[in-house]
Amino acid sequence: MLNGNSLSYTMTAFPPAQPSPPLEVAEIPGEFGPVSLSERVVQHIWLRQDFCSNGLKTLSGKRVTVRRPGQWNLQEGPDFRDALIEIDGQRVTGDVEIHFYQGDWFAHGHETDGNFDRVALHVVVFDDGARPAYTSLGAQPEVIALLPYLNRDLESHAMEDALLALERRDHVELLEFYLSLPPPARCADLRDLAFDRWRQKRRYAQLRLKRLGWPLALHQAFLETLGYRRNRAPMNILAERFPPETMRGMGAEELFDTAKGQWKLAGLRPANHPRKRLEQCLALLHARPDWPSALKGWSALKTPADPDEATGIVRRQASFTRLRAELAEDILAGVLTGSRLDTLVVDAFLPLLSVELDQDFFGLWHHWMAGDAPAALIQFLRESGVTSARQPRCNGLLQGALQRFFTQGL
């Protein structure tokens, strides 16, 4: 009720919300030094099933197929409720508990807590060799160590979560830091950080190629990029389940239905709908089934690109417009254009090609177009004076800015 210049009101009292359990934070060795990683990041990985599920085994050697990861529990008790899992072909319904190490089960007292009696699977990041978990009823959940099955390093997963935080916050502190540097030093700092990111991407490309080989590694990376960022995990699952020769005989609707319930569709632009992206993949498989071998002959791979030179000069001398058109039209049969094509180049093609051909394409990767870039980082590069007419926005500068934000917490 409004009385003169005062406002009086009655506030309904609500019962206090149940507090979320405290999240464990571990310090892990990263490419750029120790990284503080929240257990929430690992929970996100499990929720999205963002790992290689093909050949997934428990530490005791039993085969595991995750039919349903479970309902994420943000209150006390196991991290995921009512998961559906096949262990050596036997279906089990139960809970899933996530930890960094096996020993965390006992450090948290779960062996005496009846809330954890339905845990069917103990998911850890690292196999620390600790004794297996057991419940207050004496049951022993099977244990999976996720680290060998990750397609990306933990630092990249943490960075993706940091990106979401960046998009929700003001970046004034980051801007002030860079404006305090001389203009040449700003680009040099970002380029150095980008080189570290490049080495990291090459390392995981090497692991992927070792596990899958060239054609399957490209098939998986292509589908993952089509699903970037929200539908990467279900696209990865489809790539593992259906190799190119199998997928070529299927339809987009059939593939879409195979992963029904796992797609994140709310707020997607029509061009990013998974069904549309699957149609693009199938169009490529039909038009250019030999595209993985054709990619090795892409003219860009013979183009010198000095990372210390200005991007505008490099792009003009090397005719990036022509190189991009060759990739889009001749190699990928015109099925993919725009920023997603550039994301495919910098996140998948160039790291994989660098390892497969044993060549360093850092300069090309650095100067290439940035692809699907967070708006906050684009704004930062512009306001800090890093990008200009002579130095247009490029992948390396964005990668460096992302790394700076992540490692310094600016």
Protein backbone atom coordinates (compact mmCIF):
# COMPACT_ATOMS: atom_id res chain seq x y z
CA MET A 1 0.00 0.00 0.00
CA LEU A 2 1.36 3.45 -0.96
CA ASN A 3 1.05 6.17 1.74
CA GLY A 4 2.43 9.57 0.71
CA ASN A 5 6.14 9.14 0.11
CA SER A 6 6.40 5.81 1.87
CA LEU A 7 5.74 2.34 0.61
CA SER A 8 4.50 -0.31 2.98
CA TYR A 9 3.88 -3.92 2.04
CA THR A 10 3.44 -7.34 3.52
CA MET A 11 6.00 -9.94 2.46
CA THR A 12 4.96 -13.56 2.41
CA ALA A 13 7.37 -15.72 4.35
CA PHE A 14 8.70 -18.68 2.38
CA PRO A 15 10.53 -21.58 3.97
CA PRO A 16 14.28 -21.24 3.43
CA ALA A 17 15.60 -23.11 0.42
CA GLN A 18 17.62 -26.20 1.13
CA PRO A 19 21.30 -25.31 0.71
CA SER A 20 23.19 -27.05 -2.04
CA PRO A 21 25.95 -29.33 -0.79
CA PRO A 22 29.40 -27.74 -0.85
CA LEU A 23 31.24 -28.40 -4.09
CA GLU A 24 34.64 -30.04 -4.01
CA VAL A 25 37.41 -28.11 -5.77
CA ALA A 26 40.59 -29.84 -6.94
CA GLU A 27 43.81 -28.37 -8.23
CA ILE A 28 44.89 -30.24 -11.34
CA PRO A 29 48.01 -29.82 -13.48
CA GLY A 30 47.11 -27.83 -16.60
CA GLU A 31 48.99 -26.81 -19.72
CA PHE A 32 49.43 -23.33 -18.22
CA GLY A 33 50.07 -24.30 -14.62
CA PRO A 34 47.77 -25.60 -11.86
CA VAL A 35 44.05 -25.18 -12.53
CA SER A 36 41.37 -25.05 -9.83
CA LEU A 37 38.56 -27.28 -11.07
CA SER A 38 35.14 -27.43 -9.46
CA GLU A 39 33.37 -30.77 -9.13
CA ARG A 40 30.48 -29.05 -10.90
CA VAL A 41 32.51 -29.16 -14.14
CA VAL A 42 32.81 -32.95 -13.83
CA GLN A 43 29.09 -33.19 -13.14
CA HIS A 44 28.44 -31.23 -16.34
CA ILE A 45 30.61 -33.70 -18.27
CA TRP A 46 28.57 -36.63 -16.96
CA LEU A 47 25.23 -34.88 -17.50
CA ARG A 48 26.08 -34.11 -21.14
CA GLN A 49 27.85 -37.46 -21.60
CA ASP A 50 30.66 -35.43 -23.12
CA PHE A 51 33.20 -38.24 -23.39
CA CYS A 52 33.96 -41.24 -25.58
CA SER A 53 31.34 -43.81 -24.62
CA ASN A 54 32.58 -46.41 -27.11
CA GLY A 55 34.51 -49.05 -25.16
CA LEU A 56 33.61 -47.54 -21.78
CA LYS A 57 34.69 -49.92 -19.01
CA THR A 58 34.79 -49.98 -15.23
CA LEU A 59 38.10 -50.30 -13.44
CA SER A 60 37.25 -53.98 -12.94
CA GLY A 61 36.98 -54.42 -16.72
CA LYS A 62 33.19 -54.58 -17.13
CA ARG A 63 31.58 -52.99 -20.20
CA VAL A 64 29.33 -50.02 -19.49
CA THR A 65 26.58 -48.46 -21.58
CA VAL A 66 24.83 -45.40 -20.16
CA ARG A 67 21.19 -45.44 -21.21
CA ARG A 68 20.19 -42.56 -18.94
CA PRO A 69 22.72 -40.47 -16.95
CA GLY A 70 20.14 -39.79 -14.25
CA GLN A 71 18.50 -36.68 -12.84
CA TRP A 72 20.98 -34.09 -11.61
CA ASN A 73 20.59 -33.70 -7.85
CA LEU A 74 21.64 -30.28 -6.55
CA GLN A 75 20.70 -31.11 -2.95
CA GLU A 76 22.26 -33.50 -0.44
CA GLY A 77 22.82 -37.09 -1.54
CA PRO A 78 24.18 -38.68 -4.74
CA ASP A 79 24.91 -36.33 -7.64
CA PHE A 80 22.55 -38.12 -10.06
CA ARG A 81 19.38 -40.00 -9.19
CA ASP A 82 17.75 -42.89 -11.07
CA ALA A 83 20.31 -43.48 -13.79
CA LEU A 84 19.85 -46.41 -16.17
CA ILE A 85 23.09 -48.23 -16.89
CA GLU A 86 24.05 -51.51 -18.53
CA ILE A 87 26.99 -53.24 -16.87
CA ASP A 88 28.21 -56.24 -18.86
CA GLY A 89 24.80 -56.34 -20.55
CA GLN A 90 22.80 -56.29 -17.32
CA ARG A 91 20.52 -53.28 -16.84
CA VAL A 92 20.84 -51.53 -13.50
CA THR A 93 18.78 -48.61 -12.20
CA GLY A 94 20.41 -46.62 -9.44
CA ASP A 95 22.26 -43.47 -8.47
CA VAL A 96 25.60 -42.10 -9.66
CA GLU A 97 28.12 -40.34 -7.44
CA ILE A 98 30.83 -38.10 -8.93
CA HIS A 99 34.25 -37.50 -7.36
CA PHE A 100 37.74 -36.52 -8.42
CA TYR A 101 39.31 -39.55 -6.72
CA GLN A 102 38.08 -42.91 -5.42
CA GLY A 103 39.27 -42.00 -1.95
CA ASP A 104 36.84 -39.06 -1.84
CA TRP A 105 34.02 -41.55 -1.18
CA PHE A 106 35.48 -42.28 2.25
CA ALA A 107 36.70 -38.73 2.85
CA HIS A 108 33.05 -37.62 2.59
CA GLY A 109 31.75 -40.44 4.80
CA HIS A 110 29.49 -42.01 2.17
CA GLU A 111 30.25 -45.53 3.42
CA THR A 112 28.11 -44.86 6.52
CA ASP A 113 25.46 -42.64 4.91
CA GLY A 114 22.26 -44.47 3.91
CA ASN A 115 21.51 -41.79 1.30
CA PHE A 116 24.19 -43.41 -0.87
CA ASP A 117 22.95 -47.01 -0.60
CA ARG A 118 21.42 -46.90 -4.12
CA VAL A 119 24.63 -45.77 -5.84
CA ALA A 120 25.21 -48.17 -8.73
CA LEU A 121 28.14 -46.36 -10.30
CA HIS A 122 30.98 -44.37 -8.78
CA VAL A 123 32.38 -42.01 -11.45
CA VAL A 124 35.79 -40.53 -10.75
CA VAL A 125 38.17 -38.47 -12.83
CA PHE A 126 41.45 -40.01 -11.71
CA ASP A 127 42.22 -43.62 -10.82
CA ASP A 128 44.19 -43.06 -7.61
CA GLY A 129 44.37 -46.76 -6.75
CA ALA A 130 42.36 -46.29 -3.55
CA ARG A 131 40.18 -49.05 -2.19
CA PRO A 132 36.81 -49.41 -3.96
CA ALA A 133 33.77 -47.68 -2.50
CA TYR A 134 31.18 -49.57 -0.50
CA THR A 135 27.81 -48.51 0.91
CA SER A 136 26.44 -48.79 4.45
CA LEU A 137 24.77 -52.03 3.28
CA GLY A 138 28.09 -53.49 2.15
CA ALA A 139 27.43 -53.20 -1.61
CA GLN A 140 30.31 -52.19 -3.88
CA PRO A 141 29.38 -49.87 -6.78
CA GLU A 142 31.37 -50.29 -9.97
CA VAL A 143 33.89 -47.52 -10.66
CA ILE A 144 34.62 -45.64 -13.90
CA ALA A 145 37.65 -43.36 -14.27
CA LEU A 146 36.67 -40.76 -16.88
CA LEU A 147 40.05 -39.25 -17.73
CA PRO A 148 41.05 -41.80 -20.43
CA TYR A 149 37.70 -41.30 -22.20
CA LEU A 150 37.67 -37.50 -22.43
CA ASN A 151 37.85 -36.02 -25.94
CA ARG A 152 39.00 -32.71 -24.51
CA ASP A 153 41.22 -31.96 -21.56
CA LEU A 154 39.69 -30.92 -18.24
CA GLU A 155 41.04 -27.42 -18.67
CA SER A 156 38.97 -26.99 -21.85
CA HIS A 157 35.85 -28.21 -20.05
CA ALA A 158 36.49 -25.74 -17.24
CA MET A 159 37.11 -23.01 -19.79
CA GLU A 160 33.76 -23.66 -21.44
CA ASP A 161 32.07 -23.13 -18.08
CA ALA A 162 34.15 -19.98 -17.63
CA LEU A 163 32.85 -18.76 -20.99
CA LEU A 164 29.31 -18.91 -19.68
CA ALA A 165 30.38 -16.86 -16.68
CA LEU A 166 32.13 -14.37 -18.94
CA GLU A 167 28.98 -13.89 -21.00
CA ARG A 168 27.08 -13.01 -17.83
CA ARG A 169 29.53 -10.50 -16.38
CA ASP A 170 31.12 -7.16 -17.06
CA HIS A 171 34.64 -7.42 -18.46
CA VAL A 172 35.86 -4.02 -17.24
CA GLU A 173 38.73 -5.52 -15.21
CA LEU A 174 40.00 -7.44 -18.22
CA LEU A 175 39.72 -4.31 -20.35
CA GLU A 176 41.58 -2.14 -17.84
CA PHE A 177 44.42 -4.64 -17.69
CA TYR A 178 44.96 -4.58 -21.45
CA LEU A 179 44.57 -0.85 -21.84
CA SER A 180 47.45 -0.47 -19.38
CA LEU A 181 49.74 -2.27 -21.87
CA PRO A 182 51.34 -0.66 -24.96
CA PRO A 183 49.36 -1.65 -28.09
CA PRO A 184 52.07 -4.00 -29.50
CA ALA A 185 52.32 -5.76 -26.14
CA ARG A 186 48.59 -6.51 -26.12
CA CYS A 187 48.75 -8.52 -29.35
CA ALA A 188 52.02 -10.18 -28.36
CA ASP A 189 50.58 -11.34 -25.05
CA LEU A 190 47.49 -12.79 -26.69
CA ARG A 191 49.55 -14.45 -29.42
CA ASP A 192 51.76 -16.16 -26.83
CA LEU A 193 48.72 -17.42 -24.97
CA ALA A 194 47.18 -18.58 -28.24
CA PHE A 195 50.30 -20.63 -28.99
CA ASP A 196 49.82 -22.49 -25.71
CA ARG A 197 46.21 -23.16 -26.70
CA TRP A 198 47.40 -24.44 -30.07
CA ARG A 199 49.79 -26.93 -28.44
CA GLN A 200 46.99 -28.11 -26.21
CA LYS A 201 44.65 -28.67 -29.15
CA ARG A 202 47.35 -30.58 -31.04
CA ARG A 203 47.92 -32.85 -28.06
CA TYR A 204 44.27 -33.85 -27.91
CA ALA A 205 44.13 -34.21 -31.69
CA GLN A 206 47.01 -36.67 -31.33
CA LEU A 207 45.08 -38.70 -28.75
CA ARG A 208 41.98 -38.73 -30.94
CA LEU A 209 43.90 -39.85 -34.01
CA LYS A 210 45.65 -42.57 -32.06
CA ARG A 211 42.32 -43.91 -30.86
CA LEU A 212 40.24 -43.56 -34.03
CA GLY A 213 42.50 -43.07 -37.04
CA TRP A 214 42.16 -40.31 -39.64
CA PRO A 215 38.70 -40.87 -41.24
CA LEU A 216 36.85 -41.61 -37.99
CA ALA A 217 38.61 -38.82 -36.11
CA LEU A 218 37.45 -36.33 -38.76
CA HIS A 219 33.95 -37.80 -38.78
CA GLN A 220 33.65 -37.35 -35.03
CA ALA A 221 35.18 -33.87 -35.03
CA PHE A 222 32.92 -32.76 -37.88
CA LEU A 223 29.75 -33.83 -36.09
CA GLU A 224 30.91 -32.39 -32.76
CA THR A 225 31.50 -29.02 -34.41
CA LEU A 226 28.09 -29.11 -36.05
CA GLY A 227 26.62 -29.48 -32.56
CA TYR A 228 28.76 -26.70 -31.03
CA ARG A 229 28.28 -25.75 -28.23
CA ARG A 230 25.00 -27.01 -26.86
CA ASN A 231 24.62 -30.26 -28.79
CA ARG A 232 28.23 -31.39 -28.98
CA ALA A 233 27.71 -34.42 -26.73
CA PRO A 234 24.78 -36.07 -28.58
CA MET A 235 26.54 -35.44 -31.91
CA ASN A 236 29.60 -37.17 -30.49
CA ILE A 237 27.46 -40.15 -29.47
CA LEU A 238 26.05 -40.44 -32.99
CA ALA A 239 29.54 -40.27 -34.51
CA GLU A 240 30.74 -43.09 -32.27
CA ARG A 241 27.71 -45.24 -32.95
CA PHE A 242 27.48 -44.71 -36.71
CA PRO A 243 30.69 -44.58 -38.77
CA PRO A 244 30.48 -42.74 -42.12
CA GLU A 245 29.60 -45.79 -44.22
CA THR A 246 26.73 -46.66 -41.85
CA MET A 247 25.48 -43.11 -41.46
CA ARG A 248 25.41 -42.64 -45.23
CA GLY A 249 22.57 -45.19 -45.43
CA MET A 250 20.44 -43.41 -42.82
CA GLY A 251 18.20 -40.35 -42.84
CA ALA A 252 18.47 -37.19 -40.77
CA GLU A 253 15.17 -37.91 -39.03
CA GLU A 254 16.30 -41.40 -38.08
CA LEU A 255 19.58 -40.06 -36.67
CA PHE A 256 17.78 -37.29 -34.82
CA ASP A 257 15.37 -39.78 -33.24
CA THR A 258 18.27 -41.99 -32.15
CA ALA A 259 19.41 -39.25 -29.76
CA LYS A 260 15.92 -38.06 -28.83
CA GLY A 261 15.78 -36.63 -25.33
CA GLN A 262 19.43 -35.57 -25.42
CA TRP A 263 19.13 -32.57 -27.74
CA LYS A 264 19.06 -29.04 -26.33
CA LEU A 265 16.62 -27.24 -28.64
CA ALA A 266 15.31 -24.25 -26.68
CA GLY A 267 16.39 -20.95 -28.19
CA LEU A 268 18.22 -22.48 -31.16
CA ARG A 269 18.22 -20.61 -34.44
CA PRO A 270 16.71 -22.73 -37.25
CA ALA A 271 20.12 -23.07 -38.94
CA ASN A 272 21.53 -24.64 -35.76
CA HIS A 273 18.79 -27.22 -35.26
CA PRO A 274 20.40 -30.67 -34.97
CA ARG A 275 18.16 -32.04 -37.71
CA LYS A 276 19.45 -29.36 -40.08
CA ARG A 277 23.06 -30.04 -39.08
CA LEU A 278 22.58 -33.78 -39.60
CA GLU A 279 21.21 -33.09 -43.07
CA GLN A 280 24.42 -31.19 -43.83
CA CYS A 281 26.55 -34.10 -42.65
CA LEU A 282 24.60 -36.58 -44.77
CA ALA A 283 24.82 -34.29 -47.79
CA LEU A 284 28.60 -34.27 -47.44
CA LEU A 285 28.82 -38.04 -47.02
CA HIS A 286 26.82 -38.54 -50.22
CA ALA A 287 28.48 -35.81 -52.30
CA ARG A 288 32.10 -36.30 -51.16
CA PRO A 289 32.61 -39.63 -49.35
CA ASP A 290 36.34 -39.11 -49.96
CA TRP A 291 36.46 -35.70 -48.24
CA PRO A 292 38.88 -36.80 -45.47
CA SER A 293 41.55 -37.62 -48.04
CA ALA A 294 40.70 -34.53 -50.12
CA LEU A 295 41.24 -32.34 -47.05
CA LYS A 296 44.93 -33.29 -46.99
CA GLY A 297 45.32 -31.61 -50.38
CA TRP A 298 43.81 -28.28 -49.32
CA SER A 299 45.93 -25.46 -50.74
CA ALA A 300 45.96 -23.60 -47.40
CA LEU A 301 48.31 -26.24 -46.01
CA LYS A 302 51.05 -25.04 -48.37
CA THR A 303 50.50 -21.36 -47.57
CA PRO A 304 53.07 -19.52 -45.43
CA ALA A 305 51.46 -17.56 -42.58
CA ASP A 306 53.79 -15.75 -40.20
CA PRO A 307 52.06 -15.47 -36.79
CA ASP A 308 54.08 -12.31 -36.01
CA GLU A 309 52.75 -10.51 -39.10
CA ALA A 310 49.55 -8.45 -39.10
CA THR A 311 46.51 -10.58 -39.86
CA GLY A 312 45.22 -8.27 -42.59
CA ILE A 313 48.50 -8.53 -44.50
CA VAL A 314 48.70 -12.33 -44.15
CA ARG A 315 45.12 -12.82 -45.30
CA ARG A 316 45.58 -10.57 -48.30
CA GLN A 317 48.89 -12.10 -49.42
CA ALA A 318 47.65 -15.68 -48.96
CA SER A 319 44.17 -14.95 -50.36
CA PHE A 320 42.24 -16.38 -47.42
CA THR A 321 39.00 -15.71 -49.30
CA ARG A 322 40.08 -18.10 -52.06
CA LEU A 323 41.33 -20.71 -49.57
CA ARG A 324 38.06 -20.58 -47.64
CA ALA A 325 36.03 -20.97 -50.85
CA GLU A 326 38.15 -23.95 -51.91
CA LEU A 327 37.46 -25.66 -48.61
CA ALA A 328 33.74 -24.88 -48.60
CA GLU A 329 32.96 -25.66 -52.25
CA ASP A 330 35.54 -28.16 -53.50
CA ILE A 331 36.27 -30.23 -50.39
CA LEU A 332 33.05 -29.92 -48.36
CA ALA A 333 30.70 -29.84 -51.36
CA GLY A 334 29.09 -26.55 -50.36
CA VAL A 335 27.24 -28.04 -47.39
CA LEU A 336 28.68 -25.67 -44.75
CA THR A 337 29.36 -21.94 -44.78
CA GLY A 338 29.53 -19.05 -42.34
CA SER A 339 31.02 -19.02 -38.88
CA ARG A 340 30.46 -22.74 -38.29
CA LEU A 341 32.80 -23.49 -41.20
CA ASP A 342 35.51 -21.38 -39.55
CA THR A 343 34.90 -23.06 -36.20
CA LEU A 344 35.43 -26.39 -37.94
CA VAL A 345 38.76 -25.17 -39.33
CA VAL A 346 40.20 -23.87 -36.05
CA ASP A 347 38.74 -26.39 -33.60
CA ALA A 348 39.05 -29.57 -35.67
CA PHE A 349 40.69 -29.48 -39.08
CA LEU A 350 43.95 -27.63 -38.45
CA PRO A 351 44.89 -29.39 -35.17
CA LEU A 352 44.12 -32.81 -36.68
CA LEU A 353 45.91 -32.01 -39.95
CA SER A 354 48.93 -30.72 -38.05
CA VAL A 355 49.32 -34.03 -36.25
CA GLU A 356 48.41 -36.25 -39.21
CA LEU A 357 50.81 -34.48 -41.60
CA ASP A 358 53.41 -33.70 -38.91
CA GLN A 359 53.46 -30.00 -39.79
CA ASP A 360 53.01 -26.87 -37.71
CA PHE A 361 50.05 -24.80 -38.88
CA PHE A 362 50.04 -22.38 -35.95
CA GLY A 363 50.34 -19.28 -38.16
CA LEU A 364 47.41 -20.37 -40.34
CA TRP A 365 45.37 -21.27 -37.25
CA HIS A 366 46.22 -17.96 -35.58
CA HIS A 367 45.22 -15.76 -38.54
CA TRP A 368 42.15 -17.77 -39.57
CA MET A 369 38.68 -16.34 -39.03
CA ALA A 370 37.46 -16.83 -35.47
CA GLY A 371 34.26 -18.74 -36.15
CA ASP A 372 31.59 -18.95 -33.44
CA ALA A 373 33.01 -16.46 -30.96
CA PRO A 374 31.50 -15.28 -27.65
CA ALA A 375 30.15 -11.74 -27.94
CA ALA A 376 31.92 -10.69 -24.73
CA LEU A 377 35.36 -11.53 -26.17
CA ILE A 378 34.61 -9.81 -29.48
CA GLN A 379 33.63 -6.69 -27.56
CA PHE A 380 36.76 -6.91 -25.40
CA LEU A 381 39.09 -7.11 -28.43
CA ARG A 382 37.41 -4.10 -29.99
CA GLU A 383 37.31 -1.91 -26.87
CA SER A 384 40.89 -2.75 -25.88
CA GLY A 385 42.15 -1.61 -29.28
CA VAL A 386 43.56 -5.05 -30.11
CA THR A 387 41.49 -5.38 -33.28
CA SER A 388 41.47 -2.72 -35.97
CA ALA A 389 41.35 -2.32 -39.76
CA ARG A 390 45.00 -3.48 -40.00
CA GLN A 391 44.55 -6.16 -37.35
CA PRO A 392 41.10 -7.69 -37.91
CA ARG A 393 39.62 -10.12 -35.45
CA CYS A 394 41.21 -13.55 -35.80
CA ASN A 395 41.11 -16.90 -34.09
CA GLY A 396 44.45 -16.56 -32.31
CA LEU A 397 43.58 -13.27 -30.62
CA LEU A 398 40.27 -14.67 -29.41
CA GLN A 399 41.91 -17.86 -28.17
CA GLY A 400 44.49 -15.79 -26.32
CA ALA A 401 41.86 -13.53 -24.77
CA LEU A 402 39.89 -16.54 -23.61
CA GLN A 403 42.99 -18.06 -22.09
CA ARG A 404 43.89 -14.81 -20.33
CA PHE A 405 40.43 -14.52 -18.82
CA PHE A 406 40.45 -18.14 -17.71
CA THR A 407 43.92 -18.30 -16.16
CA GLN A 408 43.93 -14.86 -14.51
CA GLY A 409 40.28 -14.78 -13.50
CA LEU A 410 40.05 -11.22 -14.78
